[in-house]
Amino acid sequence: MFDPIAAWKKAIATFSRRLHELSNEQALLHQEYTRIKKDVSVRTPGNPALHGYKVYSQFDEDGIIAHIFSKLGFGDRVFVEIGCSDGLENNTHTLLLSGWRGVWVDADMGKIRYVSKQLPENRRLVVKQEFVSVRNASKIVSDGLTALGVSSLDFLSVDIDGDDLNVLIALLENTSPRVICAEYNAKFPPPINVAIQAKANKFWQGDDYQGASLTALSEALRPMGYTLITCGLSGVNAFFVRDSDSALFPRFSVEQLFQEPRYYLRRLASGHRPSLKFLADRMSVSD
């Protein structure tokens, strides 16, 4: 015979146990993050990654971006993010809340529909559903900047889980962002130089055949006038600035700046569940 009181007590006990487990996990993650930061501060003093924090980014990218531009100056506050997802977790949501303008691009129609449904039409954000490749990348960015009524670019973020390197190279032939954030494949530490071959309409299969190693990224961008200045501590994103601005940051080798894959760190909580509601409010007022 079903006993609703007993069922209720069991549910409460299960919830309490799970809450305790989550609290313990957060405490352990925070301890690990503190340990990593201490180690990085000793090995690479002044590393921009030490300023990292999360608002809407995957892990510490929001804080790293803010720190970099505090050194460079904010310019026209224009960004392009290729691989923006649904806007709930990306590198430029926080920039929009801080008064920036930009372009969001993603191949996933469902995610772009979600963004379009949640956010009002606005002159500060251009949203595009496109599968970005070497062939169309420059036109997508150019069209987006034209729609914003600008020509210069302050921040470029590329995360397409595929031919990121060649897409980035194609973009830099036609534009010169002041700061670049590019995902790297942290399975391959320096000096391993690997990148996937360019393949049209090739989606990531969830295995290690994805993107490019940090060495591959750094060596490709160096002759194009960009210097690696840091990597996020979760081992996902690398940050580059123009050579002319690199003296504003401590100089370390690729080997010193490399961060191993610590994807578990993204489970470290940053407030309540994310939404696009504050951004929708801001856009409704500013438009």
Protein backbone atom coordinates (compact mmCIF):
# COMPACT_ATOMS: atom_id res chain seq x y z
CA MET A 1 0.00 0.00 0.00
CA PHE A 2 1.32 3.39 -0.98
CA ASP A 3 2.30 5.53 2.02
CA PRO A 4 2.44 9.22 0.97
CA ILE A 5 4.11 10.27 4.23
CA ALA A 6 6.91 7.72 3.79
CA ALA A 7 7.32 8.71 0.13
CA TRP A 8 7.54 12.37 1.10
CA LYS A 9 10.17 11.63 3.77
CA LYS A 10 12.19 9.58 1.28
CA ALA A 11 12.07 12.39 -1.28
CA ILE A 12 13.20 14.93 1.33
CA ALA A 13 16.07 12.67 2.39
CA THR A 14 17.16 12.17 -1.23
CA PHE A 15 17.05 15.92 -1.88
CA SER A 16 19.04 16.67 1.29
CA ARG A 17 21.67 14.08 0.38
CA ARG A 18 22.02 15.47 -3.14
CA LEU A 19 22.25 19.04 -1.83
CA HIS A 20 25.01 17.97 0.54
CA GLU A 21 26.88 16.26 -2.32
CA LEU A 22 26.64 19.38 -4.48
CA SER A 23 27.86 21.59 -1.64
CA ASN A 24 30.84 19.30 -1.10
CA GLU A 25 31.60 19.31 -4.83
CA GLN A 26 31.55 23.13 -4.96
CA ALA A 27 33.87 23.35 -1.96
CA LEU A 28 36.31 20.91 -3.56
CA LEU A 29 36.19 22.74 -6.90
CA HIS A 30 36.85 26.05 -5.20
CA GLN A 31 39.83 24.57 -3.36
CA GLU A 32 41.20 23.17 -6.61
CA TYR A 33 40.75 26.49 -8.41
CA THR A 34 42.54 28.32 -5.59
CA ARG A 35 45.40 25.81 -5.76
CA ILE A 36 45.74 26.21 -9.53
CA LYS A 37 45.77 30.01 -9.33
CA LYS A 38 48.48 29.92 -6.68
CA ASP A 39 50.61 27.64 -8.83
CA VAL A 40 50.10 29.84 -11.91
CA SER A 41 50.96 32.99 -9.95
CA VAL A 42 54.29 31.44 -8.95
CA ARG A 43 55.18 30.07 -12.39
CA THR A 44 53.91 33.03 -14.46
CA PRO A 45 53.61 36.19 -12.32
CA GLY A 46 51.21 38.74 -13.77
CA ASN A 47 49.52 36.17 -15.99
CA PRO A 48 46.14 37.65 -17.12
CA ALA A 49 44.49 34.33 -16.23
CA LEU A 50 44.90 35.28 -12.58
CA HIS A 51 42.19 37.90 -13.14
CA GLY A 52 39.66 35.41 -14.46
CA TYR A 53 36.09 35.08 -13.29
CA LYS A 54 32.79 33.85 -14.66
CA VAL A 55 29.55 35.71 -15.24
CA TYR A 56 28.25 34.09 -18.44
CA SER A 57 31.44 32.60 -19.85
CA GLN A 58 32.25 28.91 -19.73
CA PHE A 59 34.69 29.41 -16.89
CA ASP A 60 37.08 32.33 -16.30
CA GLU A 61 36.97 34.04 -19.69
CA ASP A 62 34.79 37.00 -18.61
CA GLY A 63 37.41 38.18 -16.13
CA ILE A 64 40.32 37.60 -18.50
CA ILE A 65 38.64 39.63 -21.25
CA ALA A 66 37.85 42.47 -18.85
CA HIS A 67 41.45 42.54 -17.62
CA ILE A 68 42.93 42.55 -21.13
CA PHE A 69 40.79 45.49 -22.24
CA SER A 70 41.51 47.36 -19.01
CA LYS A 71 45.13 47.34 -20.20
CA LEU A 72 44.43 48.06 -23.87
CA GLY A 73 41.57 50.52 -23.53
CA PHE A 74 38.11 49.58 -24.74
CA GLY A 75 38.13 51.15 -28.20
CA ASP A 76 34.80 51.08 -30.05
CA ARG A 77 33.56 48.10 -27.99
CA VAL A 78 32.72 45.90 -30.98
CA PHE A 79 32.90 42.09 -30.96
CA VAL A 80 32.18 39.08 -33.14
CA GLU A 81 31.61 35.69 -31.54
CA ILE A 82 31.56 32.68 -33.84
CA GLY A 83 30.12 29.81 -31.86
CA CYS A 84 27.89 31.88 -29.58
CA SER A 85 25.63 28.95 -28.66
CA ASP A 86 22.28 30.02 -27.13
CA GLY A 87 23.82 33.04 -25.40
CA LEU A 88 23.46 31.54 -21.94
CA GLU A 89 27.15 30.62 -21.80
CA ASN A 90 29.55 32.41 -24.09
CA ASN A 91 32.34 34.98 -24.14
CA THR A 92 30.37 38.10 -25.07
CA HIS A 93 27.05 38.06 -23.18
CA THR A 94 28.75 39.99 -20.38
CA LEU A 95 30.24 42.45 -22.89
CA LEU A 96 26.74 43.22 -24.19
CA LEU A 97 25.61 43.96 -20.64
CA SER A 98 28.60 46.31 -20.38
CA GLY A 99 27.57 48.42 -23.37
CA TRP A 100 29.32 46.63 -26.24
CA ARG A 101 27.88 45.93 -29.70
CA GLY A 102 28.46 42.82 -31.71
CA VAL A 103 27.62 39.82 -33.84
CA TRP A 104 26.58 36.37 -32.63
CA VAL A 105 26.98 33.46 -35.07
CA ASP A 106 26.17 29.80 -34.52
CA ALA A 107 25.50 26.81 -36.77
CA ASP A 108 22.75 25.41 -34.55
CA MET A 109 19.36 26.63 -35.76
CA GLY A 110 17.68 25.70 -32.48
CA LYS A 111 20.08 27.82 -30.45
CA ILE A 112 19.72 30.82 -32.74
CA ARG A 113 15.93 30.51 -32.62
CA TYR A 114 16.13 30.52 -28.84
CA VAL A 115 18.19 33.73 -28.86
CA SER A 116 15.85 35.39 -31.36
CA LYS A 117 12.81 34.42 -29.27
CA GLN A 118 14.30 35.69 -26.01
CA LEU A 119 15.83 38.96 -27.20
CA PRO A 120 14.09 41.88 -28.91
CA GLU A 121 15.39 43.13 -32.25
CA ASN A 122 18.12 45.59 -31.44
CA ARG A 123 20.73 47.67 -33.23
CA ARG A 124 23.42 46.51 -30.78
CA LEU A 125 23.34 42.81 -31.65
CA VAL A 126 23.29 41.03 -35.01
CA VAL A 127 22.34 37.34 -34.73
CA LYS A 128 23.14 34.92 -37.57
CA GLN A 129 22.59 31.22 -38.10
CA GLU A 130 25.47 30.02 -40.29
CA PHE A 131 27.81 27.07 -40.58
CA VAL A 132 31.09 28.96 -40.68
CA SER A 133 33.83 27.69 -42.98
CA VAL A 134 36.99 29.03 -44.60
CA ARG A 135 34.94 29.95 -47.66
CA ASN A 136 32.28 32.09 -45.97
CA ALA A 137 33.86 33.29 -42.70
CA SER A 138 35.08 36.67 -43.96
CA LYS A 139 31.77 37.52 -45.62
CA ILE A 140 29.79 36.59 -42.51
CA VAL A 141 31.91 38.86 -40.34
CA SER A 142 31.96 41.66 -42.91
CA ASP A 143 28.17 41.55 -43.32
CA GLY A 144 27.71 41.55 -39.55
CA LEU A 145 29.94 44.57 -39.03
CA THR A 146 28.20 46.38 -41.89
CA ALA A 147 24.83 45.73 -40.24
CA LEU A 148 26.20 47.31 -37.06
CA GLY A 149 27.47 50.28 -39.06
CA VAL A 150 31.12 49.73 -38.07
CA SER A 151 34.28 48.59 -39.78
CA SER A 152 36.76 47.94 -36.95
CA LEU A 153 36.74 45.00 -34.58
CA ASP A 154 37.95 44.97 -30.98
CA PHE A 155 37.30 41.37 -29.94
CA LEU A 156 36.99 38.17 -31.96
CA SER A 157 36.01 34.85 -30.36
CA VAL A 158 36.12 31.61 -32.37
CA ASP A 159 34.83 28.31 -31.01
CA ILE A 160 33.34 26.04 -33.65
CA ASP A 161 34.69 22.65 -32.48
CA GLY A 162 36.10 22.03 -35.92
CA ASP A 163 38.35 23.81 -38.38
CA ASP A 164 38.88 26.73 -36.00
CA LEU A 165 42.46 27.39 -37.08
CA ASN A 166 41.89 27.74 -40.81
CA VAL A 167 38.73 29.78 -40.24
CA LEU A 168 40.72 32.10 -37.99
CA ILE A 169 43.48 32.45 -40.57
CA ALA A 170 40.90 33.28 -43.25
CA LEU A 171 39.35 35.94 -41.02
CA LEU A 172 42.69 37.57 -40.24
CA GLU A 173 43.37 38.05 -43.94
CA ASN A 174 40.55 40.60 -43.99
CA THR A 175 40.26 41.94 -40.44
CA SER A 176 42.58 42.69 -37.53
CA PRO A 177 40.82 42.43 -34.16
CA ARG A 178 42.66 43.86 -31.20
CA VAL A 179 42.08 40.72 -29.12
CA ILE A 180 41.45 37.14 -30.21
CA CYS A 181 40.02 34.34 -28.09
CA ALA A 182 40.41 30.95 -29.76
CA GLU A 183 39.60 27.52 -28.42
CA TYR A 184 42.52 25.09 -28.42
CA ASN A 185 42.70 21.34 -28.02
CA ALA A 186 44.41 20.93 -24.66
CA LYS A 187 44.89 17.20 -25.10
CA PHE A 188 48.05 18.10 -27.02
CA PRO A 189 50.63 20.04 -24.96
CA PRO A 190 53.50 21.96 -26.55
CA PRO A 191 55.44 21.30 -28.67
CA ILE A 192 52.85 19.03 -30.36
CA ASN A 193 51.59 20.79 -33.47
CA VAL A 194 48.32 19.33 -34.77
CA ALA A 195 45.17 20.74 -36.38
CA ILE A 196 42.31 19.04 -38.17
CA GLN A 197 42.26 19.12 -41.96
CA ALA A 198 39.79 21.51 -43.55
CA LYS A 199 36.60 19.62 -44.40
CA ALA A 200 33.40 21.26 -45.58
CA ASN A 201 30.30 20.64 -43.43
CA LYS A 202 32.23 18.54 -40.93
CA PHE A 203 30.66 18.52 -37.48
CA TRP A 204 32.53 17.49 -34.35
CA GLN A 205 31.92 13.84 -33.45
CA GLY A 206 32.69 14.30 -29.75
CA ASP A 207 36.15 12.70 -29.94
CA ASP A 208 39.65 14.21 -29.87
CA TYR A 209 39.66 15.11 -33.59
CA GLN A 210 38.75 18.72 -32.93
CA GLY A 211 40.33 22.15 -33.38
CA ALA A 212 44.06 22.71 -33.06
CA SER A 213 46.75 22.43 -30.43
CA LEU A 214 48.04 25.55 -28.70
CA THR A 215 51.35 25.28 -30.55
CA ALA A 216 49.54 25.12 -33.88
CA LEU A 217 47.49 28.21 -33.06
CA SER A 218 50.44 30.18 -31.77
CA GLU A 219 52.70 29.34 -34.72
CA ALA A 220 50.00 30.19 -37.24
CA LEU A 221 49.10 33.54 -35.65
CA ARG A 222 52.67 34.68 -34.97
CA PRO A 223 53.47 35.61 -38.61
CA MET A 224 50.08 37.33 -38.81
CA GLY A 225 51.13 39.77 -36.07
CA TYR A 226 49.62 38.22 -32.93
CA THR A 227 51.18 37.19 -29.63
CA LEU A 228 49.84 34.61 -27.18
CA ILE A 229 49.43 36.26 -23.75
CA THR A 230 47.42 33.75 -21.70
CA CYS A 231 45.18 30.69 -21.57
CA GLY A 232 42.14 30.19 -19.38
CA LEU A 233 42.78 27.93 -16.40
CA SER A 234 40.26 25.31 -17.54
CA GLY A 235 42.44 24.60 -20.59
CA VAL A 236 39.88 25.66 -23.20
CA ASN A 237 40.63 29.14 -24.58
CA ALA A 238 43.79 30.97 -25.63
CA PHE A 239 44.06 34.75 -25.86
CA PHE A 240 46.12 36.72 -28.37
CA VAL A 241 46.79 40.43 -28.83
CA ARG A 242 48.46 42.36 -31.62
CA ASP A 243 52.24 42.36 -31.42
CA SER A 244 52.15 46.14 -31.03
CA ASP A 245 50.18 45.73 -27.77
CA SER A 246 52.00 42.72 -26.37
CA ALA A 247 54.42 44.81 -24.27
CA LEU A 248 51.47 45.67 -21.99
CA PHE A 249 51.49 42.08 -20.72
CA PRO A 250 54.14 39.81 -19.19
CA ARG A 251 55.89 37.67 -21.79
CA PHE A 252 55.99 33.90 -21.33
CA SER A 253 56.59 31.00 -23.68
CA VAL A 254 53.83 28.87 -25.16
CA GLU A 255 54.98 26.06 -22.87
CA GLN A 256 54.64 28.26 -19.80
CA LEU A 257 51.21 29.59 -20.76
CA PHE A 258 49.72 26.23 -21.75
CA GLN A 259 46.99 24.99 -19.42
CA GLU A 260 46.10 21.31 -19.34
CA PRO A 261 42.47 20.25 -19.82
CA ARG A 262 40.52 20.89 -16.64
CA TYR A 263 37.02 20.78 -18.08
CA TYR A 264 35.60 19.82 -14.70
CA LEU A 265 36.17 23.40 -13.52
CA ARG A 266 33.19 24.61 -15.52
CA ARG A 267 31.02 22.94 -12.87
CA LEU A 268 32.13 25.63 -10.41
CA ALA A 269 28.94 27.60 -9.87
CA SER A 270 28.58 31.31 -10.53
CA GLY A 271 25.29 32.41 -9.01
CA HIS A 272 21.88 31.22 -10.14
CA ARG A 273 20.94 29.50 -13.39
CA PRO A 274 21.73 31.81 -16.35
CA SER A 275 19.10 33.46 -18.53
CA LEU A 276 18.89 36.12 -21.22
CA LYS A 277 16.45 38.22 -19.18
CA PHE A 278 18.82 40.96 -18.05
CA LEU A 279 20.11 41.25 -21.59
CA ALA A 280 16.55 41.49 -22.93
CA ASP A 281 15.82 44.27 -20.42
CA ARG A 282 18.96 46.16 -21.42
CA MET A 283 18.19 45.86 -25.13
CA SER A 284 14.60 46.97 -24.70
CA VAL A 285 15.79 50.14 -22.96
CA SER A 286 18.75 50.91 -25.24
CA ASP A 287 16.87 50.44 -28.49
